[in-house]
């Protein structure tokens, strides 16, 4: 004969308690919340690393300047202007030496 209880018997597995590892620590990873702009709602679990890196390599040429050189130029336009002036001066020197 089967006996069916009238009320539910709670089990330990239904308790809302964090799981502990063998050393007694909580197993859930702690959130690293050092950036104030990163909200907990942001989910990057399905993100792709370096998704556009190949496209960037094709369309740009990045040059890293030494800190003392970079301090002299406020932006990339001023660096480009200085390099163009240097190229013009070098071409004029080459043309004068060819005569």
C-alpha atoms as a PDB file:
ATOM      1  CA  UNK A   1       0.000   0.000   0.000  1.00  0.00           C
ATOM      2  CA  UNK A   2       1.244   3.470  -0.949  1.00  0.00           C
ATOM      3  CA  UNK A   3       1.119   6.365   1.445  1.00  0.00           C
ATOM      4  CA  UNK A   4       0.877   9.913   0.065  1.00  0.00           C
ATOM      5  CA  UNK A   5       1.558  12.733   2.560  1.00  0.00           C
ATOM      6  CA  UNK A   6      -0.898  15.619   2.662  1.00  0.00           C
ATOM      7  CA  UNK A   7       1.660  18.378   3.115  1.00  0.00           C
ATOM      8  CA  UNK A   8       5.001  19.110   1.467  1.00  0.00           C
ATOM      9  CA  UNK A   9       8.159  18.271   3.356  1.00  0.00           C
ATOM     10  CA  UNK A  10      10.819  20.941   2.711  1.00  0.00           C
ATOM     11  CA  UNK A  11      14.235  19.628   1.751  1.00  0.00           C
ATOM     12  CA  UNK A  12      17.611  21.231   2.367  1.00  0.00           C
ATOM     13  CA  UNK A  13      18.255  21.805  -1.334  1.00  0.00           C
ATOM     14  CA  UNK A  14      15.352  24.242  -1.640  1.00  0.00           C
ATOM     15  CA  UNK A  15      16.851  26.635   0.894  1.00  0.00           C
ATOM     16  CA  UNK A  16      18.014  30.006  -0.505  1.00  0.00           C
ATOM     17  CA  UNK A  17      21.551  29.852   0.815  1.00  0.00           C
ATOM     18  CA  UNK A  18      24.798  30.451  -1.088  1.00  0.00           C
ATOM     19  CA  UNK A  19      26.740  27.297  -1.872  1.00  0.00           C
ATOM     20  CA  UNK A  20      30.060  26.918  -0.122  1.00  0.00           C
ATOM     21  CA  UNK A  21      33.198  25.231  -1.409  1.00  0.00           C
ATOM     22  CA  UNK A  22      35.170  22.674   0.581  1.00  0.00           C
ATOM     23  CA  UNK A  23      36.955  25.485   2.473  1.00  0.00           C
ATOM     24  CA  UNK A  24      33.681  27.119   3.500  1.00  0.00           C
ATOM     25  CA  UNK A  25      33.917  30.054   1.073  1.00  0.00           C
ATOM     26  CA  UNK A  26      31.007  31.183  -1.114  1.00  0.00           C
ATOM     27  CA  UNK A  27      31.439  29.757  -4.624  1.00  0.00           C
ATOM     28  CA  UNK A  28      29.862  32.662  -6.525  1.00  0.00           C
ATOM     29  CA  UNK A  29      32.471  34.913  -8.128  1.00  0.00           C
ATOM     30  CA  UNK A  30      32.585  38.434  -6.747  1.00  0.00           C
ATOM     31  CA  UNK A  31      31.833  41.271  -9.149  1.00  0.00           C
ATOM     32  CA  UNK A  32      34.769  43.569  -9.844  1.00  0.00           C
ATOM     33  CA  UNK A  33      33.063  46.938  -9.627  1.00  0.00           C
ATOM     34  CA  UNK A  34      36.045  49.284  -9.908  1.00  0.00           C
ATOM     35  CA  UNK A  35      34.614  51.271 -12.861  1.00  0.00           C
ATOM     36  CA  UNK A  36      31.739  53.521 -11.748  1.00  0.00           C
ATOM     37  CA  UNK A  37      30.367  53.664 -15.320  1.00  0.00           C
ATOM     38  CA  UNK A  38      29.922  49.884 -15.521  1.00  0.00           C
ATOM     39  CA  UNK A  39      26.488  48.941 -14.275  1.00  0.00           C
ATOM     40  CA  UNK A  40      25.673  45.485 -12.957  1.00  0.00           C
ATOM     41  CA  UNK A  41      23.042  45.149 -15.705  1.00  0.00           C
ATOM     42  CA  UNK A  42      25.718  45.132 -18.434  1.00  0.00           C
ATOM     43  CA  UNK A  43      26.218  41.614 -19.732  1.00  0.00           C
ATOM     44  CA  UNK A  44      29.328  40.909 -21.787  1.00  0.00           C
ATOM     45  CA  UNK A  45      29.114  37.123 -21.491  1.00  0.00           C
ATOM     46  CA  UNK A  46      28.320  36.747 -25.204  1.00  0.00           C
ATOM     47  CA  UNK A  47      30.763  39.445 -26.313  1.00  0.00           C
ATOM     48  CA  UNK A  48      33.436  38.846 -28.931  1.00  0.00           C
ATOM     49  CA  UNK A  49      37.008  39.923 -28.276  1.00  0.00           C
ATOM     50  CA  UNK A  50      38.778  41.842 -31.079  1.00  0.00           C
ATOM     51  CA  UNK A  51      35.722  41.738 -33.332  1.00  0.00           C
ATOM     52  CA  UNK A  52      36.863  44.704 -35.445  1.00  0.00           C
ATOM     53  CA  UNK A  53      40.642  44.460 -35.018  1.00  0.00           C
ATOM     54  CA  UNK A  54      41.309  43.265 -38.591  1.00  0.00           C
ATOM     55  CA  UNK A  55      39.240  46.130 -40.020  1.00  0.00           C
ATOM     56  CA  UNK A  56      41.151  48.616 -37.878  1.00  0.00           C
ATOM     57  CA  UNK A  57      44.516  47.224 -39.020  1.00  0.00           C
ATOM     58  CA  UNK A  58      43.526  47.716 -42.658  1.00  0.00           C
ATOM     59  CA  UNK A  59      42.235  51.261 -42.234  1.00  0.00           C
ATOM     60  CA  UNK A  60      44.748  52.823 -39.877  1.00  0.00           C
ATOM     61  CA  UNK A  61      48.433  53.157 -39.179  1.00  0.00           C
ATOM     62  CA  UNK A  62      49.087  53.735 -35.488  1.00  0.00           C
ATOM     63  CA  UNK A  63      52.408  55.216 -34.457  1.00  0.00           C
ATOM     64  CA  UNK A  64      53.264  55.612 -30.790  1.00  0.00           C
ATOM     65  CA  UNK A  65      55.250  58.738 -30.007  1.00  0.00           C
ATOM     66  CA  UNK A  66      57.749  59.020 -27.200  1.00  0.00           C
ATOM     67  CA  UNK A  67      56.279  60.966 -24.262  1.00  0.00           C
ATOM     68  CA  UNK A  68      58.619  63.954 -24.746  1.00  0.00           C
ATOM     69  CA  UNK A  69      57.673  64.213 -28.442  1.00  0.00           C
ATOM     70  CA  UNK A  70      53.953  63.732 -27.744  1.00  0.00           C
ATOM     71  CA  UNK A  71      54.096  66.591 -25.211  1.00  0.00           C
ATOM     72  CA  UNK A  72      54.923  69.022 -28.043  1.00  0.00           C
ATOM     73  CA  UNK A  73      51.820  68.197 -30.113  1.00  0.00           C
ATOM     74  CA  UNK A  74      48.270  68.755 -28.857  1.00  0.00           C
ATOM     75  CA  UNK A  75      46.618  66.478 -31.446  1.00  0.00           C
ATOM     76  CA  UNK A  76      47.170  64.303 -34.527  1.00  0.00           C
ATOM     77  CA  UNK A  77      46.575  67.192 -36.936  1.00  0.00           C
ATOM     78  CA  UNK A  78      49.555  69.105 -35.549  1.00  0.00           C
ATOM     79  CA  UNK A  79      51.747  65.994 -35.795  1.00  0.00           C
ATOM     80  CA  UNK A  80      50.686  65.503 -39.433  1.00  0.00           C
ATOM     81  CA  UNK A  81      51.381  69.170 -40.255  1.00  0.00           C
ATOM     82  CA  UNK A  82      54.876  68.967 -38.762  1.00  0.00           C
ATOM     83  CA  UNK A  83      55.661  65.742 -40.619  1.00  0.00           C
ATOM     84  CA  UNK A  84      54.411  67.199 -43.919  1.00  0.00           C
ATOM     85  CA  UNK A  85      56.624  70.275 -43.420  1.00  0.00           C
ATOM     86  CA  UNK A  86      59.582  67.970 -42.739  1.00  0.00           C
ATOM     87  CA  UNK A  87      58.804  65.936 -45.884  1.00  0.00           C
ATOM     88  CA  UNK A  88      58.654  69.119 -48.007  1.00  0.00           C
ATOM     89  CA  UNK A  89      61.984  70.327 -46.597  1.00  0.00           C
ATOM     90  CA  UNK A  90      63.588  66.926 -47.245  1.00  0.00           C
ATOM     91  CA  UNK A  91      62.303  66.855 -50.850  1.00  0.00           C
ATOM     92  CA  UNK A  92      63.639  70.360 -51.512  1.00  0.00           C
ATOM     93  CA  UNK A  93      67.044  69.358 -50.116  1.00  0.00           C
ATOM     94  CA  UNK A  94      67.160  66.274 -52.349  1.00  0.00           C
ATOM     95  CA  UNK A  95      66.232  68.331 -55.433  1.00  0.00           C
ATOM     96  CA  UNK A  96      68.898  70.962 -54.639  1.00  0.00           C
ATOM     97  CA  UNK A  97      71.587  68.303 -54.158  1.00  0.00           C
ATOM     98  CA  UNK A  98      70.645  66.661 -57.477  1.00  0.00           C
ATOM     99  CA  UNK A  99      71.533  69.836 -59.441  1.00  0.00           C
END
